[in-house]
Amino acid sequence: MRQCRLCGSDALASVLDLGATPPCERVLTEAMLDEPEPTYPLHLRVCQSCLLAQIPALITPEDTFREYAYYSSYSTSWVAHARRFVTDAADRLGLDDDSFVVEVASNDGYLLRHCVERGIRCLGIEPSVNVGEAAREAGVPTLTGFLDPELGATVCAGHGPADLVVANNVYAHVPDVIGFTEGLRRLVADDGWVSIEVHHLLSLIEHNQFDTIYHEHFQYYTVASAQRALASGGLALVDVEPLDTHGGSLRLWARPAEVANGPSERMRDVFAREKAAGLHDMSGYIGFGQRVDQLRRDLLVFLLTASQRGDTVVGYGAPGKGNTLLNYCGIRPDLLSYTVDRNPYKHGTYTPGMRIPILPPERIAADHPDYVLVLPWNLRDEITAQLSYVAEWGGKLVFPIPSVEIVEVTP
């Protein structure tokens, strides 16, 4: 029986059915190409009682994150974003060498390294052994584990309560949203702050960002649903910052409910935008599936036409979102001969499902393709700058979201 993981209601309404796809971060080695590959339904539904958008929890975080292929530091713009956050948070909260900051899902230390540089005591909690080791090698104290109430209490007892708990791009990755939220409350001081960054469901719907839906993302938030989720663990949402990251995100500022003031003006403004867009009932989801289907057709028409002309098309990036797009659209190596990625962990492997080779970025300069399909479209400015050299042979970039766009670049 389908039940909402936040409120327990069985009133789940279908929003978008993307069929069955493999886990998006499970890249394949050469030896795995002749082995069976599991796929799981990928179906977005919205709870009509509490408004939480969610997919079934068919894989576990342990399956995904025990050995993880994503290293945040390979994105220069993301590292810069983290540096700005630490600077702004230190100013906002008065963080200094007497403060303590904990980041949950701290990855390779991309954010906490800036705390280390400022002399702010910090600790990362990272479930992936390999990327956590990279953080420790970079001088960022890091504990390997998945946050739950027990781990939160243990860390607090051993290190003291945190003045700031950061949880960037992880609140969607936890099927036990209530237990995770309780873990955040156990970590934070009674007068402390919690900062969470999540992709905004409003951006997903308005800009056709269907590729943000994948098995590792169990839920998708509006301000309204995030407010309810945080309250389940004793935290109150008091402020919201709209961000450009990931095509449109929210930075949620929460405090223990006992010390929280009322919502800020900008939180009320974003809440009103969501309501006007119909995301506080079901009206805002009408037509989303048809728009996604049209995008798929447009992208396939471009790729098929390019193939018929004899033009070469390759990919840039191998992110999780890219694999949702490739699998839903059925894009195989006959239409996209390979993709490249800056992460050497992925070189010589293949994308899940469609089995497109992943090569080093230098391959593009060697092959002079006619088009480069940018799969991490959310890093548009960064990647456009990195790929400006394709103009030397008349190459063009293709961005698939929110609609198929062919872009000429200048060297």
Protein backbone atom coordinates (compact mmCIF):
# COMPACT_ATOMS: atom_id res chain seq x y z
CA MET A 1 0.00 0.00 0.00
CA ARG A 2 1.37 3.42 -0.96
CA GLN A 3 1.65 5.80 1.97
CA CYS A 4 3.20 9.24 2.33
CA ARG A 5 6.49 8.92 4.18
CA LEU A 6 5.86 12.17 6.05
CA CYS A 7 2.23 12.08 7.17
CA GLY A 8 1.18 8.49 6.42
CA SER A 9 -1.69 9.45 4.11
CA ASP A 10 -2.57 7.16 1.20
CA ALA A 11 -3.85 10.12 -0.87
CA LEU A 12 -0.93 10.15 -3.32
CA ALA A 13 -1.64 11.70 -6.73
CA SER A 14 0.42 10.83 -9.81
CA VAL A 15 2.44 13.70 -11.31
CA LEU A 16 4.97 12.07 -13.68
CA ASP A 17 5.73 8.44 -14.53
CA LEU A 18 9.22 8.07 -16.04
CA GLY A 19 9.02 4.31 -16.42
CA ALA A 20 11.69 2.03 -14.97
CA THR A 21 15.34 3.09 -14.93
CA PRO A 22 18.54 1.89 -13.24
CA PRO A 23 20.01 3.76 -10.25
CA CYS A 24 21.52 6.86 -11.80
CA GLU A 25 24.86 6.89 -9.97
CA ARG A 26 25.69 3.22 -10.60
CA VAL A 27 28.19 3.58 -13.42
CA LEU A 28 29.17 0.35 -15.14
CA THR A 29 32.62 -1.14 -15.61
CA GLU A 30 33.58 -3.04 -18.75
CA ALA A 31 33.07 -6.33 -16.89
CA MET A 32 29.53 -5.36 -15.93
CA LEU A 33 28.32 -4.82 -19.50
CA ASP A 34 27.37 -8.47 -19.92
CA GLU A 35 25.63 -8.70 -16.55
CA PRO A 36 21.95 -8.06 -15.78
CA GLU A 37 21.22 -4.50 -14.73
CA PRO A 38 18.38 -3.86 -12.24
CA THR A 39 15.82 -1.17 -12.97
CA TYR A 40 13.23 0.36 -10.68
CA PRO A 41 10.03 2.33 -11.29
CA LEU A 42 10.53 6.10 -11.26
CA HIS A 43 7.15 7.65 -10.52
CA LEU A 44 6.64 11.06 -8.92
CA ARG A 45 3.55 11.50 -6.77
CA VAL A 46 2.32 14.27 -4.48
CA CYS A 47 0.63 13.73 -1.15
CA GLN A 48 -2.63 15.62 -1.22
CA SER A 49 -2.63 15.85 2.58
CA CYS A 50 0.81 17.33 3.34
CA LEU A 51 1.96 18.31 -0.22
CA LEU A 52 5.21 16.32 -0.08
CA ALA A 53 6.28 15.25 -3.58
CA GLN A 54 7.94 11.85 -3.46
CA ILE A 55 8.94 8.69 -5.27
CA PRO A 56 8.87 5.15 -3.82
CA ALA A 57 11.91 4.27 -1.71
CA LEU A 58 13.00 1.30 -3.80
CA ILE A 59 16.74 1.57 -3.18
CA THR A 60 18.46 2.41 0.09
CA PRO A 61 20.93 5.21 0.78
CA GLU A 62 23.40 2.50 1.76
CA ASP A 63 23.17 1.08 -1.77
CA THR A 64 23.93 4.48 -3.26
CA PHE A 65 26.39 6.17 -0.96
CA ARG A 66 28.60 3.49 0.54
CA GLU A 67 30.94 3.97 -2.45
CA TYR A 68 30.00 7.14 -4.30
CA ALA A 69 31.20 8.49 -7.63
CA TYR A 70 30.41 12.17 -7.05
CA TYR A 71 33.03 14.55 -5.70
CA SER A 72 31.74 18.09 -5.13
CA SER A 73 35.15 19.71 -5.56
CA TYR A 74 35.25 18.87 -9.28
CA SER A 75 32.81 21.74 -9.84
CA THR A 76 34.66 25.02 -9.43
CA SER A 77 31.41 26.98 -9.29
CA TRP A 78 30.10 24.75 -6.50
CA VAL A 79 33.27 25.25 -4.44
CA ALA A 80 32.90 29.02 -4.94
CA HIS A 81 29.25 28.76 -3.87
CA ALA A 82 30.33 26.97 -0.69
CA ARG A 83 32.96 29.61 0.07
CA ARG A 84 30.37 32.38 -0.24
CA PHE A 85 28.01 30.48 2.04
CA VAL A 86 30.64 30.08 4.78
CA THR A 87 31.56 33.77 4.55
CA ASP A 88 27.92 34.88 4.69
CA ALA A 89 27.00 32.43 7.47
CA ALA A 90 29.96 33.54 9.58
CA ASP A 91 28.82 37.15 9.23
CA ARG A 92 25.15 36.36 9.82
CA LEU A 93 25.67 34.13 12.86
CA GLY A 94 28.91 35.58 14.24
CA LEU A 95 30.86 32.36 13.78
CA ASP A 96 34.45 32.42 15.06
CA ASP A 97 37.07 30.16 16.60
CA ASP A 98 34.75 29.49 19.56
CA SER A 99 32.00 28.16 17.25
CA PHE A 100 31.28 24.64 16.06
CA VAL A 101 29.89 23.78 12.61
CA VAL A 102 28.69 20.35 11.51
CA GLU A 103 27.91 19.48 7.90
CA VAL A 104 25.81 16.42 7.12
CA ALA A 105 26.64 14.73 3.80
CA SER A 106 29.88 16.73 3.71
CA ASN A 107 31.21 14.91 0.63
CA ASP A 108 34.92 15.59 0.01
CA GLY A 109 35.09 18.60 2.33
CA TYR A 110 34.25 21.11 -0.40
CA LEU A 111 32.46 23.38 2.15
CA LEU A 112 34.07 22.69 5.50
CA ARG A 113 37.55 23.38 4.13
CA HIS A 114 36.50 27.03 4.18
CA CYS A 115 35.64 26.68 7.87
CA VAL A 116 39.06 25.15 8.47
CA GLU A 117 40.68 28.09 6.68
CA ARG A 118 38.83 30.52 8.97
CA GLY A 119 39.77 28.61 12.13
CA ILE A 120 36.18 27.53 12.83
CA ARG A 121 35.98 24.14 14.55
CA CYS A 122 34.03 21.77 12.32
CA LEU A 123 33.08 18.17 11.63
CA GLY A 124 31.77 16.47 8.54
CA ILE A 125 29.39 13.50 8.62
CA GLU A 126 29.70 11.67 5.30
CA PRO A 127 28.25 8.22 4.49
CA SER A 128 30.56 7.47 1.54
CA VAL A 129 33.85 5.93 2.59
CA ASN A 130 35.79 7.02 -0.49
CA VAL A 131 34.80 10.68 -0.59
CA GLY A 132 35.03 10.97 3.19
CA GLU A 133 38.62 9.80 2.97
CA ALA A 134 39.29 12.52 0.39
CA ALA A 135 37.97 15.08 2.89
CA ARG A 136 40.23 13.81 5.65
CA GLU A 137 43.21 13.95 3.30
CA ALA A 138 42.30 17.61 2.66
CA GLY A 139 42.42 18.33 6.40
CA VAL A 140 38.67 18.29 7.11
CA PRO A 141 37.68 16.21 10.17
CA THR A 142 35.11 13.73 8.87
CA LEU A 143 33.06 10.94 10.44
CA THR A 144 31.74 8.13 8.27
CA GLY A 145 28.06 7.45 8.89
CA PHE A 146 24.41 8.06 8.05
CA LEU A 147 22.67 10.62 10.23
CA ASP A 148 19.86 9.39 12.45
CA PRO A 149 18.74 10.45 15.94
CA GLU A 150 21.23 8.13 17.62
CA LEU A 151 24.23 9.37 15.63
CA GLY A 152 23.14 12.98 16.17
CA ALA A 153 23.05 12.44 19.92
CA THR A 154 26.43 10.66 19.88
CA VAL A 155 28.13 13.46 17.94
CA CYS A 156 26.60 16.09 20.22
CA ALA A 157 27.78 14.23 23.33
CA GLY A 158 31.30 13.83 21.96
CA HIS A 159 31.85 17.20 20.32
CA GLY A 160 29.26 19.48 21.85
CA PRO A 161 26.15 20.99 20.26
CA ALA A 162 26.63 22.74 16.92
CA ASP A 163 26.07 26.44 16.46
CA LEU A 164 25.32 25.70 12.81
CA VAL A 165 24.33 22.45 11.13
CA VAL A 166 24.57 22.44 7.34
CA ALA A 167 22.75 19.90 5.16
CA ASN A 168 23.19 20.81 1.50
CA ASN A 169 21.58 18.64 -1.18
CA VAL A 170 20.88 15.76 1.17
CA TYR A 171 17.38 16.44 2.54
CA ALA A 172 15.96 14.91 -0.62
CA HIS A 173 18.20 11.85 -0.35
CA VAL A 174 16.80 10.39 2.89
CA PRO A 175 13.71 8.16 2.82
CA ASP A 176 13.36 8.42 6.62
CA VAL A 177 12.80 12.17 6.52
CA ILE A 178 11.43 12.27 10.07
CA GLY A 179 14.36 10.34 11.57
CA PHE A 180 16.86 12.47 9.65
CA THR A 181 15.19 15.68 10.85
CA GLU A 182 15.29 14.42 14.42
CA GLY A 183 19.00 13.77 13.88
CA LEU A 184 19.49 17.39 12.83
CA ARG A 185 17.73 18.53 15.99
CA ARG A 186 19.98 16.33 18.13
CA LEU A 187 23.06 17.93 16.54
CA VAL A 188 22.11 21.59 16.84
CA ALA A 189 22.38 23.70 19.97
CA ASP A 190 19.14 24.82 21.59
CA ASP A 191 19.83 28.34 20.31
CA GLY A 192 21.54 27.22 17.09
CA TRP A 193 20.73 27.24 13.41
CA VAL A 194 20.19 24.66 10.68
CA SER A 195 20.81 25.55 7.02
CA ILE A 196 19.51 23.22 4.31
CA GLU A 197 19.75 23.58 0.54
CA VAL A 198 17.27 21.70 -1.62
CA HIS A 199 16.10 21.87 -5.19
CA HIS A 200 12.86 23.85 -5.38
CA LEU A 201 9.87 21.92 -6.67
CA LEU A 202 8.55 25.16 -8.15
CA SER A 203 11.59 25.35 -10.45
CA LEU A 204 11.27 21.68 -11.35
CA ILE A 205 7.69 22.11 -12.51
CA GLU A 206 7.98 25.53 -14.14
CA HIS A 207 11.17 24.72 -16.08
CA ASN A 208 10.59 21.08 -17.07
CA GLN A 209 13.46 19.85 -14.88
CA PHE A 210 12.25 16.26 -14.92
CA ASP A 211 15.82 14.94 -14.99
CA THR A 212 16.17 16.07 -11.36
CA ILE A 213 13.90 13.13 -10.53
CA TYR A 214 15.91 10.00 -9.85
CA HIS A 215 15.97 7.16 -7.35
CA GLU A 216 18.48 8.81 -5.04
CA HIS A 217 16.07 11.76 -4.60
CA PHE A 218 13.21 10.44 -2.51
CA GLN A 219 11.30 13.71 -2.10
CA TYR A 220 11.02 17.18 -3.64
CA TYR A 221 10.19 20.24 -1.58
CA THR A 222 8.16 23.38 -1.63
CA VAL A 223 8.41 25.80 1.28
CA ALA A 224 5.07 24.44 2.48
CA SER A 225 6.18 20.80 2.53
CA ALA A 226 9.64 21.62 3.92
CA GLN A 227 7.99 23.50 6.77
CA ARG A 228 5.97 20.39 7.65
CA ALA A 229 8.97 18.08 7.31
CA LEU A 230 11.15 20.20 9.60
CA ALA A 231 8.38 20.45 12.18
CA SER A 232 8.30 16.65 12.38
CA GLY A 233 11.70 16.74 14.09
CA GLY A 234 11.22 19.79 16.29
CA LEU A 235 12.61 22.44 13.92
CA ALA A 236 10.81 25.55 12.71
CA LEU A 237 11.45 27.11 9.30
CA VAL A 238 12.06 30.84 9.78
CA ASP A 239 13.72 32.08 6.59
CA VAL A 240 14.17 31.09 2.94
CA GLU A 241 16.74 32.22 0.38
CA PRO A 242 15.99 31.49 -3.30
CA LEU A 243 19.18 30.33 -5.06
CA ASP A 244 20.19 29.84 -8.69
CA THR A 245 21.99 26.55 -8.00
CA HIS A 246 20.74 23.35 -9.64
CA GLY A 247 18.41 25.37 -11.82
CA GLY A 248 16.57 26.87 -8.85
CA SER A 249 17.04 25.91 -5.20
CA LEU A 250 16.06 27.05 -1.73
CA ARG A 251 18.26 27.66 1.26
CA LEU A 252 16.10 26.88 4.27
CA TRP A 253 17.03 28.43 7.62
CA ALA A 254 15.54 26.63 10.60
CA ARG A 255 15.88 26.79 14.37
CA PRO A 256 14.71 24.69 17.30
CA ALA A 257 11.00 25.37 17.60
CA GLU A 258 11.38 26.69 21.15
CA VAL A 259 13.48 29.71 20.06
CA ALA A 260 12.17 30.33 16.55
CA ASN A 261 10.61 33.60 15.54
CA GLY A 262 7.90 33.88 12.90
CA PRO A 263 8.59 33.48 9.16
CA SER A 264 10.60 36.15 7.36
CA GLU A 265 9.11 38.34 4.66
CA ARG A 266 10.98 36.53 1.87
CA MET A 267 9.74 33.18 3.21
CA ARG A 268 6.19 34.50 2.97
CA ASP A 269 6.92 35.77 -0.55
CA VAL A 270 8.14 32.36 -1.80
CA PHE A 271 5.19 30.67 -0.08
CA ALA A 272 2.85 33.01 -1.97
CA ARG A 273 4.58 32.26 -5.30
CA GLU A 274 4.10 28.54 -4.75
CA LYS A 275 0.46 29.01 -3.91
CA ALA A 276 -0.10 31.18 -7.00
CA ALA A 277 1.54 28.47 -9.14
CA GLY A 278 -0.94 25.89 -7.85
CA LEU A 279 1.58 23.82 -5.88
CA HIS A 280 -0.46 23.97 -2.67
CA ASP A 281 -3.15 21.94 -4.40
CA MET A 282 -2.94 19.76 -7.52
CA SER A 283 -3.72 22.39 -10.14
CA GLY A 284 -0.09 23.37 -10.71
CA TYR A 285 0.87 19.87 -11.83
CA ILE A 286 -1.61 19.66 -14.69
CA GLY A 287 0.15 19.47 -18.04
CA PHE A 288 3.63 18.79 -16.64
CA GLY A 289 3.75 15.28 -18.08
CA GLN A 290 2.77 16.52 -21.55
CA ARG A 291 5.51 19.17 -21.47
CA VAL A 292 8.09 16.54 -20.53
CA ASP A 293 6.93 14.28 -23.37
CA GLN A 294 7.30 17.17 -25.83
CA LEU A 295 10.82 17.90 -24.60
CA ARG A 296 11.76 14.26 -25.16
CA ARG A 297 10.42 14.37 -28.71
CA ASP A 298 12.26 17.60 -29.48
CA LEU A 299 15.58 16.24 -28.21
CA LEU A 300 15.21 13.00 -30.16
CA VAL A 301 14.32 14.90 -33.34
CA PHE A 302 17.51 16.95 -32.96
CA LEU A 303 19.68 13.86 -32.37
CA LEU A 304 18.11 11.84 -35.19
CA THR A 305 18.42 14.74 -37.62
CA ALA A 306 22.06 15.27 -36.67
CA SER A 307 22.75 11.57 -37.20
CA GLN A 308 21.10 11.60 -40.62
CA ARG A 309 23.27 14.58 -41.63
CA GLY A 310 26.38 12.76 -40.47
CA ASP A 311 27.05 15.27 -37.68
CA THR A 312 28.79 14.02 -34.54
CA VAL A 313 27.21 14.58 -31.14
CA VAL A 314 28.96 13.82 -27.84
CA GLY A 315 28.04 14.58 -24.26
CA TYR A 316 29.60 16.64 -21.52
CA GLY A 317 29.21 15.38 -17.97
CA ALA A 318 27.85 12.20 -16.44
CA PRO A 319 25.66 13.49 -13.59
CA GLY A 320 22.75 11.65 -12.03
CA LYS A 321 20.27 13.97 -13.73
CA GLY A 322 21.86 13.20 -17.09
CA ASN A 323 21.18 9.52 -16.66
CA THR A 324 17.49 10.15 -16.00
CA LEU A 325 17.35 12.13 -19.24
CA LEU A 326 19.29 9.55 -21.27
CA ASN A 327 17.20 6.63 -20.04
CA TYR A 328 13.81 8.32 -20.34
CA CYS A 329 14.61 9.50 -23.85
CA GLY A 330 16.25 6.20 -24.89
CA ILE A 331 19.49 7.87 -26.02
CA ARG A 332 22.10 5.22 -26.77
CA PRO A 333 25.61 5.36 -28.27
CA ASP A 334 24.19 5.44 -31.80
CA LEU A 335 22.92 8.96 -31.04
CA LEU A 336 25.47 10.03 -28.41
CA SER A 337 28.76 8.30 -29.08
CA TYR A 338 30.27 9.12 -25.69
CA THR A 339 30.23 11.62 -22.87
CA VAL A 340 33.12 13.09 -20.89
CA ASP A 341 33.51 13.96 -17.24
CA ARG A 342 36.09 15.74 -15.10
CA ASN A 343 35.85 13.05 -12.42
CA PRO A 344 38.58 10.45 -13.10
CA TYR A 345 36.63 7.96 -10.97
CA LYS A 346 34.22 7.61 -13.91
CA HIS A 347 36.73 7.38 -16.76
CA GLY A 348 36.57 4.08 -18.62
CA THR A 349 33.10 3.30 -17.28
CA TYR A 350 29.65 3.47 -18.88
CA THR A 351 26.46 5.28 -18.00
CA PRO A 352 23.78 3.13 -16.36
CA GLY A 353 21.07 1.82 -18.64
CA MET A 354 22.11 3.39 -21.92
CA ARG A 355 25.76 2.29 -21.52
CA ILE A 356 27.35 5.32 -23.11
CA PRO A 357 31.16 5.41 -22.61
CA ILE A 358 32.49 8.01 -20.15
CA LEU A 359 35.84 9.45 -21.22
CA PRO A 360 38.23 12.20 -20.07
CA PRO A 361 37.30 15.77 -21.15
CA GLU A 362 40.36 16.01 -23.43
CA ARG A 363 38.64 13.70 -25.89
CA ILE A 364 36.42 16.54 -27.14
CA ALA A 365 39.39 18.66 -28.24
CA ALA A 366 40.88 15.62 -29.99
CA ASP A 367 37.70 14.65 -31.88
CA HIS A 368 36.20 18.05 -32.86
CA PRO A 369 32.51 17.00 -32.58
CA ASP A 370 29.85 19.13 -34.23
CA TYR A 371 27.70 19.30 -31.09
CA VAL A 372 28.24 18.81 -27.35
CA LEU A 373 25.12 17.91 -25.37
CA VAL A 374 25.55 19.42 -21.89
CA LEU A 375 24.00 17.06 -19.36
CA PRO A 376 24.72 19.13 -16.19
CA TRP A 377 22.81 22.05 -17.69
CA ASN A 378 22.53 23.64 -14.24
CA LEU A 379 26.25 24.58 -14.50
CA ARG A 380 25.64 26.43 -17.75
CA ASP A 381 27.96 29.40 -17.24
CA GLU A 382 30.82 27.30 -15.86
CA ILE A 383 30.62 24.71 -18.62
CA THR A 384 30.13 27.23 -21.41
CA ALA A 385 33.41 28.83 -20.32
CA GLN A 386 35.15 25.44 -20.10
CA LEU A 387 33.96 24.47 -23.59
CA SER A 388 34.51 27.81 -25.35
CA TYR A 389 37.29 26.16 -27.37
CA VAL A 390 34.76 24.18 -29.45
CA ALA A 391 34.19 27.40 -31.39
CA GLU A 392 37.61 26.87 -32.96
CA TRP A 393 36.14 24.25 -35.31
CA GLY A 394 32.57 25.59 -35.38
CA GLY A 395 31.23 23.28 -32.70
CA LYS A 396 28.06 24.15 -30.81
CA LEU A 397 26.66 23.39 -27.37
CA VAL A 398 23.23 21.89 -26.81
CA PHE A 399 21.31 22.47 -23.57
CA PRO A 400 18.31 20.12 -23.12
CA ILE A 401 16.52 21.84 -20.21
CA PRO A 402 14.10 23.67 -19.97
CA SER A 403 13.83 23.17 -23.75
CA VAL A 404 16.29 22.09 -26.42
CA GLU A 405 18.59 25.02 -27.17
CA ILE A 406 21.57 25.09 -29.56
CA VAL A 407 24.18 27.65 -28.55
CA GLU A 408 27.11 29.05 -30.51
CA VAL A 409 30.08 29.88 -28.29
CA THR A 410 32.98 32.25 -28.75
CA PRO A 411 36.59 31.26 -28.01
